[in-house]
Amino acid sequence: MTKIYDPDLIYVECGKCGQPILWGPGQTKKILDAAEIADEEVDEHCAIISDGCPSCKPGETSFSTQIVRMNDEQEDSMPKGAEAH
């Protein structure tokens, strides 16, 4: 039986200021579901990049995100977008 990678372990970073982003349990799963990415498709080579964060865009609560695979050897490494709230 193959063990599924826990989506809450995916690294999340602000693409504007470079700060890591921390959010509550389950938020990554919501983003993956919105982008129609199955849990089986993600692993330790994946990251989520946000178009902003509360530090560089104070007062905003919703940011666009991209899920990226950091392994250049994958042909299907196109980023997929989703909206984070």
C-alpha atoms as a PDB file:
ATOM      1  CA  MET A   1       0.000   0.000   0.000  1.00  0.00           C
ATOM      2  CA  THR A   2       1.405   3.389  -1.032  1.00  0.00           C
ATOM      3  CA  LYS A   3       1.436   6.032   1.685  1.00  0.00           C
ATOM      4  CA  ILE A   4      -0.135   9.356   0.639  1.00  0.00           C
ATOM      5  CA  TYR A   5       1.901  12.486   1.414  1.00  0.00           C
ATOM      6  CA  ASP A   6       0.203  14.754   3.967  1.00  0.00           C
ATOM      7  CA  PRO A   7      -0.812  17.941   2.076  1.00  0.00           C
ATOM      8  CA  ASP A   8      -0.337  20.004   5.264  1.00  0.00           C
ATOM      9  CA  LEU A   9       3.421  19.360   4.928  1.00  0.00           C
ATOM     10  CA  ILE A  10       3.676  21.193   1.581  1.00  0.00           C
ATOM     11  CA  TYR A  11       5.894  24.273   1.854  1.00  0.00           C
ATOM     12  CA  VAL A  12       4.057  27.561   1.219  1.00  0.00           C
ATOM     13  CA  GLU A  13       5.889  30.785   0.355  1.00  0.00           C
ATOM     14  CA  CYS A  14       4.974  34.318  -0.643  1.00  0.00           C
ATOM     15  CA  GLY A  15       6.122  34.926  -4.208  1.00  0.00           C
ATOM     16  CA  LYS A  16       6.385  38.687  -3.553  1.00  0.00           C
ATOM     17  CA  CYS A  17       8.450  38.917  -0.365  1.00  0.00           C
ATOM     18  CA  GLY A  18       9.716  35.338   0.001  1.00  0.00           C
ATOM     19  CA  GLN A  19       8.387  34.777   3.520  1.00  0.00           C
ATOM     20  CA  PRO A  20       7.079  31.347   4.446  1.00  0.00           C
ATOM     21  CA  ILE A  21       3.330  31.306   4.965  1.00  0.00           C
ATOM     22  CA  LEU A  22       1.724  29.399   7.806  1.00  0.00           C
ATOM     23  CA  TRP A  23      -1.950  28.600   7.856  1.00  0.00           C
ATOM     24  CA  GLY A  24      -4.297  26.287   9.651  1.00  0.00           C
ATOM     25  CA  PRO A  25      -4.721  22.570   9.116  1.00  0.00           C
ATOM     26  CA  GLY A  26      -6.785  21.697   6.061  1.00  0.00           C
ATOM     27  CA  GLN A  27      -6.117  24.923   4.103  1.00  0.00           C
ATOM     28  CA  THR A  28      -3.684  23.201   1.729  1.00  0.00           C
ATOM     29  CA  LYS A  29      -6.252  20.460   1.058  1.00  0.00           C
ATOM     30  CA  LYS A  30      -8.809  23.138   0.097  1.00  0.00           C
ATOM     31  CA  ILE A  31      -6.336  24.648  -2.387  1.00  0.00           C
ATOM     32  CA  LEU A  32      -5.507  21.253  -3.871  1.00  0.00           C
ATOM     33  CA  ASP A  33      -9.208  20.458  -4.221  1.00  0.00           C
ATOM     34  CA  ALA A  34      -9.869  23.834  -5.911  1.00  0.00           C
ATOM     35  CA  ALA A  35      -7.045  23.135  -8.386  1.00  0.00           C
ATOM     36  CA  GLU A  36      -8.398  19.596  -8.900  1.00  0.00           C
ATOM     37  CA  ILE A  37      -5.138  18.008  -7.719  1.00  0.00           C
ATOM     38  CA  ALA A  38      -5.462  14.626  -6.010  1.00  0.00           C
ATOM     39  CA  ASP A  39      -3.526  13.991  -2.795  1.00  0.00           C
ATOM     40  CA  GLU A  40      -1.669  11.199  -4.619  1.00  0.00           C
ATOM     41  CA  GLU A  41      -0.155  13.765  -7.012  1.00  0.00           C
ATOM     42  CA  VAL A  42       1.710  15.754  -4.354  1.00  0.00           C
ATOM     43  CA  ASP A  43       4.890  14.914  -2.483  1.00  0.00           C
ATOM     44  CA  GLU A  44       7.912  16.568  -0.868  1.00  0.00           C
ATOM     45  CA  HIS A  45       8.891  18.101  -4.238  1.00  0.00           C
ATOM     46  CA  CYS A  46       5.770  20.292  -4.340  1.00  0.00           C
ATOM     47  CA  ALA A  47       5.368  23.836  -3.046  1.00  0.00           C
ATOM     48  CA  ILE A  48       2.645  26.454  -3.038  1.00  0.00           C
ATOM     49  CA  ILE A  49       3.576  29.992  -4.086  1.00  0.00           C
ATOM     50  CA  SER A  50       1.222  32.842  -3.192  1.00  0.00           C
ATOM     51  CA  ASP A  51       0.964  36.183  -5.014  1.00  0.00           C
ATOM     52  CA  GLY A  52       1.151  37.972  -1.673  1.00  0.00           C
ATOM     53  CA  CYS A  53       0.773  37.575   2.064  1.00  0.00           C
ATOM     54  CA  PRO A  54      -0.480  39.607   5.037  1.00  0.00           C
ATOM     55  CA  SER A  55       3.061  40.963   5.569  1.00  0.00           C
ATOM     56  CA  CYS A  56       3.516  42.477   2.103  1.00  0.00           C
ATOM     57  CA  LYS A  57      -0.176  43.154   1.372  1.00  0.00           C
ATOM     58  CA  PRO A  58      -1.681  44.209   4.723  1.00  0.00           C
ATOM     59  CA  GLY A  59      -5.444  44.131   4.907  1.00  0.00           C
ATOM     60  CA  GLU A  60      -5.866  41.577   2.095  1.00  0.00           C
ATOM     61  CA  THR A  61      -7.250  38.182   3.016  1.00  0.00           C
ATOM     62  CA  SER A  62      -7.388  36.426  -0.351  1.00  0.00           C
ATOM     63  CA  PHE A  63      -4.406  35.590  -2.554  1.00  0.00           C
ATOM     64  CA  SER A  64      -3.939  33.653  -5.776  1.00  0.00           C
ATOM     65  CA  THR A  65      -1.678  30.640  -5.486  1.00  0.00           C
ATOM     66  CA  GLN A  66       0.261  28.279  -7.725  1.00  0.00           C
ATOM     67  CA  ILE A  67       1.158  24.712  -6.905  1.00  0.00           C
ATOM     68  CA  VAL A  68       4.572  23.900  -8.363  1.00  0.00           C
ATOM     69  CA  ARG A  69       6.759  20.818  -8.528  1.00  0.00           C
ATOM     70  CA  MET A  70      10.404  21.599  -7.822  1.00  0.00           C
ATOM     71  CA  ASN A  71      11.699  18.658  -9.866  1.00  0.00           C
ATOM     72  CA  ASP A  72      12.739  19.761 -13.386  1.00  0.00           C
ATOM     73  CA  GLU A  73      12.741  16.163 -14.605  1.00  0.00           C
ATOM     74  CA  GLN A  74       8.951  16.001 -14.568  1.00  0.00           C
ATOM     75  CA  GLU A  75       7.343  16.817 -17.915  1.00  0.00           C
ATOM     76  CA  ASP A  76       4.064  17.682 -16.199  1.00  0.00           C
ATOM     77  CA  SER A  77       5.617  20.369 -13.991  1.00  0.00           C
ATOM     78  CA  MET A  78       3.275  23.132 -15.154  1.00  0.00           C
ATOM     79  CA  PRO A  79       2.033  25.258 -12.252  1.00  0.00           C
ATOM     80  CA  LYS A  80      -1.646  24.999 -11.424  1.00  0.00           C
ATOM     81  CA  GLY A  81      -3.487  27.942  -9.921  1.00  0.00           C
ATOM     82  CA  ALA A  82      -6.042  28.172  -7.162  1.00  0.00           C
ATOM     83  CA  GLU A  83      -7.459  30.892  -4.963  1.00  0.00           C
ATOM     84  CA  ALA A  84      -6.541  30.916  -1.260  1.00  0.00           C
ATOM     85  CA  HIS A  85      -8.902  32.494   1.254  1.00  0.00           C
END
